[in-house]
Each structure stands twice: as C-alpha cells, then as structure tokens.
Amino acid sequence: MPPRSERLTKHVKPNKNDLVIRNVTVLGKRTSMRMEPQIWDALIEVTKRENLSVHQLCSLVAERSCRPESLTAAIRVFLLAYFRSAATEDGHLRAKHGNSDLLGQISAVFPDVANDSGAPTRPH
C-alpha cells in the first residue's frame, strides 16, 4: 500500500522536483523527512536490495552519522556513497556512461534545465 501522503494526494499530480514529506521512525522516535522523490526512490531501492525497512535503514544511518541534526543530509550522503561503491566499469558500460550522450542523460534527470539560449530543454 502506498504511504498515506500519496493516498491522500492521489488526485494531485506532483511536480517531480517537489519535495516529498514522509514520516519515518528513527531510533524509536517518529520524525518526518523532506526529500526529493528521486531520493525517496533511491532509498526504497536500497532497502529492497538490503532487505531492510526504510525505518531500519534510516536508524542505521542516524546511528553512524557524524551530523545527527541533519538526517536528510546524512541519508543523501549515504545513498551517494552506496551507489558509488556499487558502480563498476561493467555497470558503467551497461548504463552507457562515458558516451557522448551525457547531456541527454542530464536532461533526462533535470528536464527543466535551460540550454545556452535560455530556453528550457526537454528530453527527446
């Protein structure tokens, strides 16, 4: 079942750049975290790969973070480190990294980025 916030706002089409707020229990205390949808997607992907709940993974990160006042920053740093450590040369080749379509890949992630003329660009 999707999180309560998604069920209540199902009729609203969210902007993919909007921050999403979700409640998480971290170290036995309920808190809310506000992050980009892509970060939530990455976090959920990691929890599935590692057979953990979002609550468990966030608690592990909070226990080891050197900046406990900024859990969302610690989560972002963890996710970056997780995916960087998983990146291999073979993985880069399969994902077609290092090719001439880098601008296309960036545009796919950030479709509203302006090009040199100042006009917004969209993925093809």
Protein backbone atom coordinates (compact mmCIF):
# COMPACT_ATOMS: atom_id res chain seq x y z
CA MET A 1 0.00 0.00 0.00
CA PRO A 2 1.40 3.45 -0.84
CA PRO A 3 2.23 5.85 2.00
CA ARG A 4 -0.71 7.75 3.48
CA SER A 5 0.53 11.04 1.99
CA GLU A 6 0.34 9.52 -1.51
CA ARG A 7 -3.13 8.09 -0.92
CA LEU A 8 -4.47 11.44 0.27
CA THR A 9 -3.00 13.41 -2.62
CA LYS A 10 -3.55 10.87 -5.39
CA HIS A 11 -5.66 13.34 -7.38
CA VAL A 12 -2.84 15.93 -7.33
CA LYS A 13 -0.18 15.47 -9.99
CA PRO A 14 3.07 16.28 -8.17
CA ASN A 15 5.92 18.09 -9.84
CA LYS A 16 8.82 15.65 -9.93
CA ASN A 17 11.03 18.35 -8.39
CA ASP A 18 8.75 18.93 -5.38
CA LEU A 19 9.99 17.71 -2.03
CA VAL A 20 8.03 14.83 -0.53
CA ILE A 21 7.45 14.63 3.22
CA ARG A 22 7.16 11.20 4.82
CA ASN A 23 7.09 10.02 8.41
CA VAL A 24 9.86 7.68 9.48
CA THR A 25 10.61 6.09 12.83
CA VAL A 26 14.30 6.63 13.52
CA LEU A 27 15.88 5.08 16.61
CA GLY A 28 12.40 4.55 18.06
CA LYS A 29 11.26 8.16 17.53
CA ARG A 30 8.84 9.27 14.85
CA THR A 31 10.13 12.08 12.66
CA SER A 32 9.39 13.48 9.23
CA MET A 33 11.86 13.78 6.40
CA ARG A 34 11.50 16.02 3.38
CA MET A 35 13.41 14.88 0.30
CA GLU A 36 13.14 14.81 -3.47
CA PRO A 37 11.07 11.99 -4.99
CA GLN A 38 14.20 10.62 -6.66
CA ILE A 39 15.94 10.36 -3.27
CA TRP A 40 12.95 8.51 -1.82
CA ASP A 41 13.02 6.16 -4.82
CA ALA A 42 16.74 5.51 -4.30
CA LEU A 43 16.23 4.93 -0.57
CA ILE A 44 13.45 2.43 -1.22
CA GLU A 45 15.57 0.67 -3.84
CA VAL A 46 18.40 0.26 -1.33
CA THR A 47 16.04 -1.04 1.38
CA LYS A 48 14.71 -3.67 -1.02
CA ARG A 49 18.24 -4.72 -2.04
CA GLU A 50 19.36 -4.93 1.59
CA ASN A 51 16.13 -6.48 2.92
CA LEU A 52 15.55 -3.65 5.41
CA SER A 53 12.68 -1.28 6.09
CA VAL A 54 13.08 2.44 5.49
CA HIS A 55 12.89 2.86 9.27
CA GLN A 56 15.71 0.37 9.88
CA LEU A 57 18.00 1.87 7.25
CA CYS A 58 17.40 5.44 8.44
CA SER A 59 18.12 4.33 12.01
CA LEU A 60 21.39 2.72 10.92
CA VAL A 61 22.43 5.90 9.10
CA ALA A 62 21.40 8.06 12.08
CA GLU A 63 23.47 5.91 14.47
CA ARG A 64 26.59 6.33 12.36
CA SER A 65 26.14 9.88 11.11
CA CYS A 66 28.56 12.50 12.33
CA ARG A 67 25.83 15.16 11.89
CA PRO A 68 22.76 13.81 13.68
CA GLU A 69 20.92 17.14 13.39
CA SER A 70 20.66 16.68 9.61
CA LEU A 71 19.27 13.23 8.96
CA THR A 72 18.15 14.05 5.41
CA ALA A 73 21.68 15.21 4.52
CA ALA A 74 23.11 12.04 6.05
CA ILE A 75 20.66 9.93 4.01
CA ARG A 76 21.64 11.73 0.80
CA VAL A 77 25.36 11.23 1.53
CA PHE A 78 24.78 7.57 2.37
CA LEU A 79 22.86 6.98 -0.87
CA LEU A 80 25.58 8.66 -2.92
CA ALA A 81 28.24 6.51 -1.25
CA TYR A 82 26.10 3.36 -1.65
CA PHE A 83 25.59 3.79 -5.37
CA ARG A 84 29.17 4.97 -5.97
CA SER A 85 30.50 1.85 -4.28
CA ALA A 86 28.18 -0.27 -6.42
CA ALA A 87 29.37 1.38 -9.64
CA THR A 88 31.78 -0.78 -11.60
CA GLU A 89 33.29 -0.47 -15.06
CA ASP A 90 30.91 -3.17 -16.29
CA GLY A 91 27.97 -1.30 -14.76
CA HIS A 92 29.03 1.92 -16.44
CA LEU A 93 29.23 0.18 -19.82
CA ARG A 94 25.77 -1.36 -19.40
CA ALA A 95 24.33 2.02 -18.39
CA LYS A 96 26.11 3.64 -21.37
CA HIS A 97 28.01 6.03 -19.13
CA GLY A 98 31.05 7.73 -20.61
CA ASN A 99 29.45 8.17 -24.02
CA SER A 100 28.63 11.28 -25.99
CA ASP A 101 25.04 11.40 -24.71
CA LEU A 102 25.92 12.86 -21.31
CA LEU A 103 23.81 15.98 -21.97
CA GLY A 104 20.87 13.76 -22.90
CA GLN A 105 21.28 11.82 -19.65
CA ILE A 106 21.44 15.05 -17.64
CA SER A 107 18.37 16.39 -19.45
CA ALA A 108 16.50 13.18 -18.58
CA VAL A 109 17.19 13.81 -14.88
CA PHE A 110 16.71 17.60 -14.98
CA PRO A 111 14.26 18.28 -17.83
CA ASP A 112 13.75 21.95 -16.92
CA VAL A 113 17.42 22.92 -17.19
CA ALA A 114 17.88 25.84 -19.60
CA ASN A 115 20.13 25.47 -22.64
CA ASP A 116 22.57 28.15 -23.85
CA SER A 117 19.75 30.17 -25.43
CA GLY A 118 17.96 30.38 -22.08
CA ALA A 119 15.03 28.29 -23.29
CA PRO A 120 14.08 25.24 -21.21
CA THR A 121 15.18 21.94 -22.68
CA ARG A 122 13.18 18.74 -22.64
CA PRO A 123 14.35 15.16 -23.17
CA HIS A 124 13.69 13.85 -26.69
